[in-house]
Amino acid sequence: MDFDRAIQAHTNWKLRLFNYCKGSSQDKIDVRTVEKDNVCELGEWLHAERRKHAGGTGFEKLIEAHAAFHRSAAAVAALIERGQAPEAEKLLRSPDSEFNKRSLQVVGCLMSLRAKSEYALM
């Protein structure tokens, strides 16, 4: 897994949702798809590797954080679809929102696994 690429792809969700709020997004964001934690590249990798890393607390924590992030991102996208873009934008901007807390948690888990991976290679 290219952890740096996964971190970047994950953080790009915030920009995608901001653009969706503003109506400047070229792509349609489907709430049901966003909610699924096994559709994005990171999610596909996590679910493919799950058995190999079963019991690994860092890996399991990432799986849980990633699923929670997708649920919170879907909640933001649902607000936008219901015409509540200003409310969605507030959530994207607030460091205390569920979306931002979950986002930071996923990035932290990825950084931790990356550090363990790099240490193991030494």
N, C-alpha and C. Protein backbone atom coordinates (compact mmCIF):
# COMPACT_ATOMS: atom_id res chain seq x y z
N MET A 1 0.85 -1.19 0.00
CA MET A 1 0.00 0.00 0.00
C MET A 1 0.89 1.23 0.00
N ASP A 2 0.60 2.15 -0.88
CA ASP A 2 1.28 3.43 -0.91
C ASP A 2 0.54 4.34 0.08
N PHE A 3 1.07 4.41 1.29
CA PHE A 3 0.39 5.14 2.36
C PHE A 3 0.25 6.63 2.05
N ASP A 4 1.28 7.22 1.45
CA ASP A 4 1.20 8.65 1.12
C ASP A 4 0.07 8.91 0.13
N ARG A 5 -0.04 8.04 -0.86
CA ARG A 5 -1.12 8.19 -1.85
C ARG A 5 -2.48 7.99 -1.21
N ALA A 6 -2.57 7.03 -0.28
CA ALA A 6 -3.83 6.79 0.42
C ALA A 6 -4.22 8.00 1.27
N ILE A 7 -3.24 8.59 1.94
CA ILE A 7 -3.51 9.79 2.75
C ILE A 7 -3.99 10.92 1.87
N GLN A 8 -3.33 11.12 0.74
CA GLN A 8 -3.73 12.20 -0.18
C GLN A 8 -5.13 11.96 -0.74
N ALA A 9 -5.40 10.74 -1.17
CA ALA A 9 -6.72 10.42 -1.72
C ALA A 9 -7.80 10.62 -0.66
N HIS A 10 -7.49 10.27 0.55
CA HIS A 10 -8.45 10.43 1.64
C HIS A 10 -8.71 11.91 1.92
N THR A 11 -7.66 12.70 2.00
CA THR A 11 -7.84 14.12 2.29
C THR A 11 -8.53 14.86 1.14
N ASN A 12 -8.45 14.31 -0.08
CA ASN A 12 -9.13 14.93 -1.22
C ASN A 12 -10.65 14.90 -1.08
N TRP A 13 -11.17 14.01 -0.22
CA TRP A 13 -12.63 13.95 -0.02
C TRP A 13 -13.17 15.29 0.47
N LYS A 14 -12.44 15.96 1.32
CA LYS A 14 -12.91 17.25 1.84
C LYS A 14 -13.07 18.25 0.69
N LEU A 15 -12.09 18.30 -0.19
CA LEU A 15 -12.16 19.19 -1.34
C LEU A 15 -13.32 18.81 -2.26
N ARG A 16 -13.49 17.52 -2.49
CA ARG A 16 -14.61 17.06 -3.33
C ARG A 16 -15.95 17.50 -2.75
N LEU A 17 -16.10 17.35 -1.43
CA LEU A 17 -17.36 17.73 -0.80
C LEU A 17 -17.55 19.24 -0.79
N PHE A 18 -16.48 20.01 -0.60
CA PHE A 18 -16.58 21.47 -0.69
C PHE A 18 -17.04 21.88 -2.09
N ASN A 19 -16.43 21.28 -3.10
CA ASN A 19 -16.83 21.60 -4.48
C ASN A 19 -18.27 21.21 -4.73
N TYR A 20 -18.69 20.09 -4.17
CA TYR A 20 -20.08 19.65 -4.29
C TYR A 20 -21.02 20.65 -3.62
N CYS A 21 -20.61 21.18 -2.48
CA CYS A 21 -21.40 22.21 -1.77
C CYS A 21 -21.60 23.44 -2.65
N LYS A 22 -20.54 23.84 -3.30
CA LYS A 22 -20.55 25.06 -4.10
C LYS A 22 -21.18 24.86 -5.48
N GLY A 23 -21.48 23.60 -5.82
CA GLY A 23 -22.03 23.33 -7.14
C GLY A 23 -20.99 23.37 -8.23
N SER A 24 -19.71 23.34 -7.85
CA SER A 24 -18.64 23.42 -8.85
C SER A 24 -18.00 22.06 -9.13
N SER A 25 -18.61 21.01 -8.64
CA SER A 25 -18.08 19.67 -8.86
C SER A 25 -18.56 19.14 -10.21
N GLN A 26 -17.65 18.57 -10.96
CA GLN A 26 -18.01 17.99 -12.24
C GLN A 26 -18.69 16.63 -12.08
N ASP A 27 -18.36 15.95 -10.98
CA ASP A 27 -18.95 14.63 -10.79
C ASP A 27 -20.08 14.65 -9.76
N LYS A 28 -21.00 13.78 -9.96
CA LYS A 28 -22.12 13.62 -9.03
C LYS A 28 -21.66 12.72 -7.91
N ILE A 29 -21.93 13.11 -6.69
CA ILE A 29 -21.56 12.29 -5.55
C ILE A 29 -22.81 11.56 -5.08
N ASP A 30 -22.76 10.25 -5.16
CA ASP A 30 -23.87 9.41 -4.76
C ASP A 30 -23.71 9.03 -3.28
N VAL A 31 -24.67 9.42 -2.45
CA VAL A 31 -24.59 9.20 -1.01
C VAL A 31 -24.42 7.72 -0.68
N ARG A 32 -25.17 6.87 -1.34
CA ARG A 32 -25.09 5.42 -1.04
C ARG A 32 -23.72 4.85 -1.37
N THR A 33 -23.09 5.36 -2.41
CA THR A 33 -21.75 4.89 -2.77
C THR A 33 -20.71 5.42 -1.79
N VAL A 34 -20.83 6.70 -1.43
CA VAL A 34 -19.88 7.30 -0.48
C VAL A 34 -19.92 6.57 0.85
N GLU A 35 -21.08 6.13 1.25
CA GLU A 35 -21.24 5.47 2.54
C GLU A 35 -20.53 4.11 2.61
N LYS A 36 -20.30 3.49 1.47
CA LYS A 36 -19.64 2.18 1.42
C LYS A 36 -18.14 2.34 1.65
N ASP A 37 -17.62 1.58 2.58
CA ASP A 37 -16.20 1.70 2.90
C ASP A 37 -15.31 0.75 2.10
N ASN A 38 -15.89 0.04 1.15
CA ASN A 38 -15.09 -0.92 0.38
C ASN A 38 -15.05 -0.58 -1.11
N VAL A 39 -15.42 0.63 -1.47
CA VAL A 39 -15.48 1.02 -2.88
C VAL A 39 -14.25 1.84 -3.29
N CYS A 40 -13.74 2.66 -2.41
CA CYS A 40 -12.56 3.48 -2.73
C CYS A 40 -11.32 2.59 -2.72
N GLU A 41 -10.22 3.11 -3.22
CA GLU A 41 -8.98 2.33 -3.32
C GLU A 41 -8.51 1.84 -1.95
N LEU A 42 -8.54 2.71 -0.95
CA LEU A 42 -8.13 2.31 0.39
C LEU A 42 -9.05 1.22 0.93
N GLY A 43 -10.34 1.39 0.77
CA GLY A 43 -11.30 0.41 1.25
C GLY A 43 -11.14 -0.94 0.57
N GLU A 44 -10.89 -0.92 -0.73
CA GLU A 44 -10.66 -2.18 -1.45
C GLU A 44 -9.45 -2.91 -0.87
N TRP A 45 -8.38 -2.16 -0.63
CA TRP A 45 -7.17 -2.75 -0.07
C TRP A 45 -7.41 -3.28 1.34
N LEU A 46 -8.08 -2.48 2.16
CA LEU A 46 -8.35 -2.90 3.54
C LEU A 46 -9.14 -4.20 3.59
N HIS A 47 -10.17 -4.28 2.79
CA HIS A 47 -11.00 -5.48 2.81
C HIS A 47 -10.29 -6.69 2.19
N ALA A 48 -9.42 -6.45 1.22
CA ALA A 48 -8.65 -7.54 0.62
C ALA A 48 -7.60 -8.07 1.59
N GLU A 49 -7.04 -7.19 2.40
CA GLU A 49 -5.96 -7.56 3.32
C GLU A 49 -6.45 -7.94 4.72
N ARG A 50 -7.73 -7.82 4.96
CA ARG A 50 -8.29 -8.00 6.30
C ARG A 50 -7.89 -9.33 6.93
N ARG A 51 -8.03 -10.41 6.22
CA ARG A 51 -7.69 -11.74 6.78
C ARG A 51 -6.21 -11.85 7.10
N LYS A 52 -5.40 -11.29 6.23
CA LYS A 52 -3.95 -11.36 6.43
C LYS A 52 -3.53 -10.63 7.72
N HIS A 53 -4.24 -9.57 8.06
CA HIS A 53 -3.88 -8.74 9.21
C HIS A 53 -4.85 -8.90 10.38
N ALA A 54 -5.64 -9.94 10.36
CA ALA A 54 -6.65 -10.16 11.41
C ALA A 54 -5.97 -10.13 12.78
N GLY A 55 -6.57 -9.39 13.68
CA GLY A 55 -6.04 -9.29 15.03
C GLY A 55 -5.04 -8.17 15.20
N GLY A 56 -4.55 -7.62 14.11
CA GLY A 56 -3.63 -6.49 14.22
C GLY A 56 -4.40 -5.25 14.63
N THR A 57 -4.13 -4.75 15.82
CA THR A 57 -4.95 -3.67 16.36
C THR A 57 -4.90 -2.41 15.51
N GLY A 58 -3.73 -2.08 14.96
CA GLY A 58 -3.63 -0.90 14.11
C GLY A 58 -4.44 -1.04 12.84
N PHE A 59 -4.41 -2.22 12.27
CA PHE A 59 -5.14 -2.48 11.04
C PHE A 59 -6.65 -2.47 11.31
N GLU A 60 -7.07 -3.12 12.38
CA GLU A 60 -8.49 -3.15 12.73
C GLU A 60 -9.00 -1.75 13.06
N LYS A 61 -8.17 -0.98 13.75
CA LYS A 61 -8.55 0.40 14.08
C LYS A 61 -8.74 1.22 12.80
N LEU A 62 -7.88 1.00 11.83
CA LEU A 62 -8.01 1.71 10.55
C LEU A 62 -9.29 1.31 9.84
N ILE A 63 -9.61 0.03 9.83
CA ILE A 63 -10.84 -0.44 9.18
C ILE A 63 -12.05 0.24 9.82
N GLU A 64 -12.09 0.29 11.14
CA GLU A 64 -13.22 0.91 11.85
C GLU A 64 -13.27 2.41 11.58
N ALA A 65 -12.12 3.07 11.65
CA ALA A 65 -12.08 4.52 11.42
C ALA A 65 -12.48 4.85 9.98
N HIS A 66 -12.03 4.04 9.05
CA HIS A 66 -12.34 4.27 7.64
C HIS A 66 -13.84 4.12 7.38
N ALA A 67 -14.45 3.10 7.96
CA ALA A 67 -15.90 2.90 7.80
C ALA A 67 -16.67 4.07 8.42
N ALA A 68 -16.25 4.51 9.60
CA ALA A 68 -16.91 5.65 10.26
C ALA A 68 -16.74 6.93 9.44
N PHE A 69 -15.57 7.10 8.84
CA PHE A 69 -15.35 8.27 7.98
C PHE A 69 -16.33 8.27 6.81
N HIS A 70 -16.48 7.13 6.18
CA HIS A 70 -17.39 7.06 5.02
C HIS A 70 -18.83 7.35 5.43
N ARG A 71 -19.23 6.91 6.61
CA ARG A 71 -20.58 7.22 7.08
C ARG A 71 -20.73 8.73 7.30
N SER A 72 -19.71 9.37 7.87
CA SER A 72 -19.80 10.81 8.11
C SER A 72 -19.73 11.60 6.80
N ALA A 73 -18.92 11.15 5.85
CA ALA A 73 -18.86 11.82 4.54
C ALA A 73 -20.20 11.69 3.82
N ALA A 74 -20.83 10.53 3.94
CA ALA A 74 -22.14 10.33 3.32
C ALA A 74 -23.18 11.23 3.97
N ALA A 75 -23.08 11.45 5.27
CA ALA A 75 -24.02 12.34 5.95
C ALA A 75 -23.87 13.77 5.43
N VAL A 76 -22.64 14.20 5.20
CA VAL A 76 -22.39 15.54 4.64
C VAL A 76 -22.97 15.61 3.22
N ALA A 77 -22.71 14.60 2.41
CA ALA A 77 -23.23 14.58 1.04
C ALA A 77 -24.75 14.57 1.03
N ALA A 78 -25.36 13.88 1.99
CA ALA A 78 -26.83 13.84 2.07
C ALA A 78 -27.39 15.23 2.38
N LEU A 79 -26.71 15.98 3.23
CA LEU A 79 -27.16 17.36 3.50
C LEU A 79 -27.15 18.18 2.21
N ILE A 80 -26.10 18.03 1.44
CA ILE A 80 -25.99 18.79 0.19
C ILE A 80 -27.12 18.39 -0.75
N GLU A 81 -27.37 17.11 -0.87
CA GLU A 81 -28.44 16.65 -1.76
C GLU A 81 -29.81 17.16 -1.32
N ARG A 82 -29.99 17.36 -0.02
CA ARG A 82 -31.27 17.87 0.49
C ARG A 82 -31.36 19.39 0.42
N GLY A 83 -30.37 20.02 -0.22
CA GLY A 83 -30.40 21.47 -0.36
C GLY A 83 -29.89 22.21 0.86
N GLN A 84 -29.14 21.53 1.70
CA GLN A 84 -28.62 22.13 2.93
C GLN A 84 -27.10 22.31 2.84
N ALA A 85 -26.65 22.83 1.72
CA ALA A 85 -25.22 23.02 1.50
C ALA A 85 -24.55 23.91 2.55
N PRO A 86 -25.20 25.00 3.01
CA PRO A 86 -24.55 25.81 4.04
C PRO A 86 -24.27 25.02 5.33
N GLU A 87 -25.20 24.15 5.70
CA GLU A 87 -25.00 23.32 6.89
C GLU A 87 -23.86 22.33 6.66
N ALA A 88 -23.82 21.76 5.46
CA ALA A 88 -22.75 20.82 5.12
C ALA A 88 -21.39 21.52 5.15
N GLU A 89 -21.34 22.73 4.62
CA GLU A 89 -20.09 23.48 4.60
C GLU A 89 -19.62 23.79 6.02
N LYS A 90 -20.55 24.08 6.91
CA LYS A 90 -20.18 24.31 8.32
C LYS A 90 -19.52 23.07 8.90
N LEU A 91 -20.05 21.91 8.59
CA LEU A 91 -19.46 20.66 9.09
C LEU A 91 -18.06 20.44 8.52
N LEU A 92 -17.90 20.77 7.25
CA LEU A 92 -16.58 20.60 6.62
C LEU A 92 -15.55 21.55 7.21
N ARG A 93 -15.99 22.71 7.64
CA ARG A 93 -15.07 23.71 8.19
C ARG A 93 -14.81 23.52 9.69
N SER A 94 -15.72 22.92 10.40
CA SER A 94 -15.61 22.79 11.86
C SER A 94 -14.64 21.68 12.26
N PRO A 95 -13.60 22.02 13.02
CA PRO A 95 -12.67 20.98 13.47
C PRO A 95 -13.33 19.99 14.44
N ASP A 96 -14.46 20.38 15.01
CA ASP A 96 -15.15 19.52 15.97
C ASP A 96 -16.23 18.65 15.33
N SER A 97 -16.40 18.76 14.02
CA SER A 97 -17.45 17.96 13.37
C SER A 97 -17.03 16.49 13.31
N GLU A 98 -18.01 15.64 13.24
CA GLU A 98 -17.76 14.20 13.12
C GLU A 98 -16.91 13.91 11.87
N PHE A 99 -17.21 14.60 10.79
CA PHE A 99 -16.47 14.41 9.55
C PHE A 99 -14.98 14.67 9.77
N ASN A 100 -14.65 15.80 10.35
CA ASN A 100 -13.23 16.15 10.53
C ASN A 100 -12.55 15.28 11.58
N LYS A 101 -13.26 14.91 12.61
CA LYS A 101 -12.68 14.00 13.62
C LYS A 101 -12.35 12.66 12.99
N ARG A 102 -13.29 12.14 12.22
CA ARG A 102 -13.07 10.84 11.56
C ARG A 102 -11.97 10.92 10.51
N SER A 103 -11.93 12.03 9.80
CA SER A 103 -10.90 12.22 8.79
C SER A 103 -9.51 12.19 9.43
N LEU A 104 -9.35 12.93 10.51
CA LEU A 104 -8.06 12.95 11.21
C LEU A 104 -7.71 11.58 11.77
N GLN A 105 -8.71 10.86 12.22
CA GLN A 105 -8.47 9.52 12.76
C GLN A 105 -7.93 8.59 11.67
N VAL A 106 -8.53 8.64 10.49
CA VAL A 106 -8.06 7.80 9.38
C VAL A 106 -6.63 8.15 9.02
N VAL A 107 -6.34 9.45 8.89
CA VAL A 107 -4.98 9.87 8.55
C VAL A 107 -3.99 9.42 9.62
N GLY A 108 -4.38 9.56 10.88
CA GLY A 108 -3.50 9.12 11.97
C GLY A 108 -3.23 7.62 11.91
N CYS A 109 -4.25 6.84 11.64
CA CYS A 109 -4.08 5.38 11.52
C CYS A 109 -3.17 5.04 10.35
N LEU A 110 -3.36 5.71 9.23
CA LEU A 110 -2.51 5.47 8.06
C LEU A 110 -1.05 5.82 8.36
N MET A 111 -0.84 6.94 9.03
CA MET A 111 0.52 7.36 9.37
C MET A 111 1.16 6.36 10.34
N SER A 112 0.40 5.86 11.26
CA SER A 112 0.90 4.87 12.21
C SER A 112 1.30 3.58 11.50
N LEU A 113 0.44 3.10 10.62
CA LEU A 113 0.77 1.89 9.87
C LEU A 113 1.96 2.11 8.95
N ARG A 114 2.04 3.30 8.36
CA ARG A 114 3.18 3.61 7.50
C ARG A 114 4.48 3.56 8.31
N ALA A 115 4.45 4.14 9.50
CA ALA A 115 5.64 4.15 10.37
C ALA A 115 6.04 2.72 10.75
N LYS A 116 5.06 1.90 11.10
CA LYS A 116 5.35 0.50 11.45
C LYS A 116 5.90 -0.25 10.25
N SER A 117 5.36 0.05 9.08
CA SER A 117 5.80 -0.60 7.86
C SER A 117 7.24 -0.22 7.54
N GLU A 118 7.57 1.06 7.67
CA GLU A 118 8.92 1.53 7.40
C GLU A 118 9.90 0.96 8.42
N TYR A 119 9.48 0.87 9.67
CA TYR A 119 10.32 0.30 10.71
C TYR A 119 10.61 -1.17 10.43
N ALA A 120 9.59 -1.87 9.97
CA ALA A 120 9.74 -3.31 9.69
C ALA A 120 10.70 -3.54 8.51
N LEU A 121 10.81 -2.56 7.61
CA LEU A 121 11.68 -2.71 6.46
C LEU A 121 13.14 -2.43 6.78
N MET A 122 13.42 -1.84 7.93
CA MET A 122 14.80 -1.49 8.29
C MET A 122 15.59 -2.70 8.74
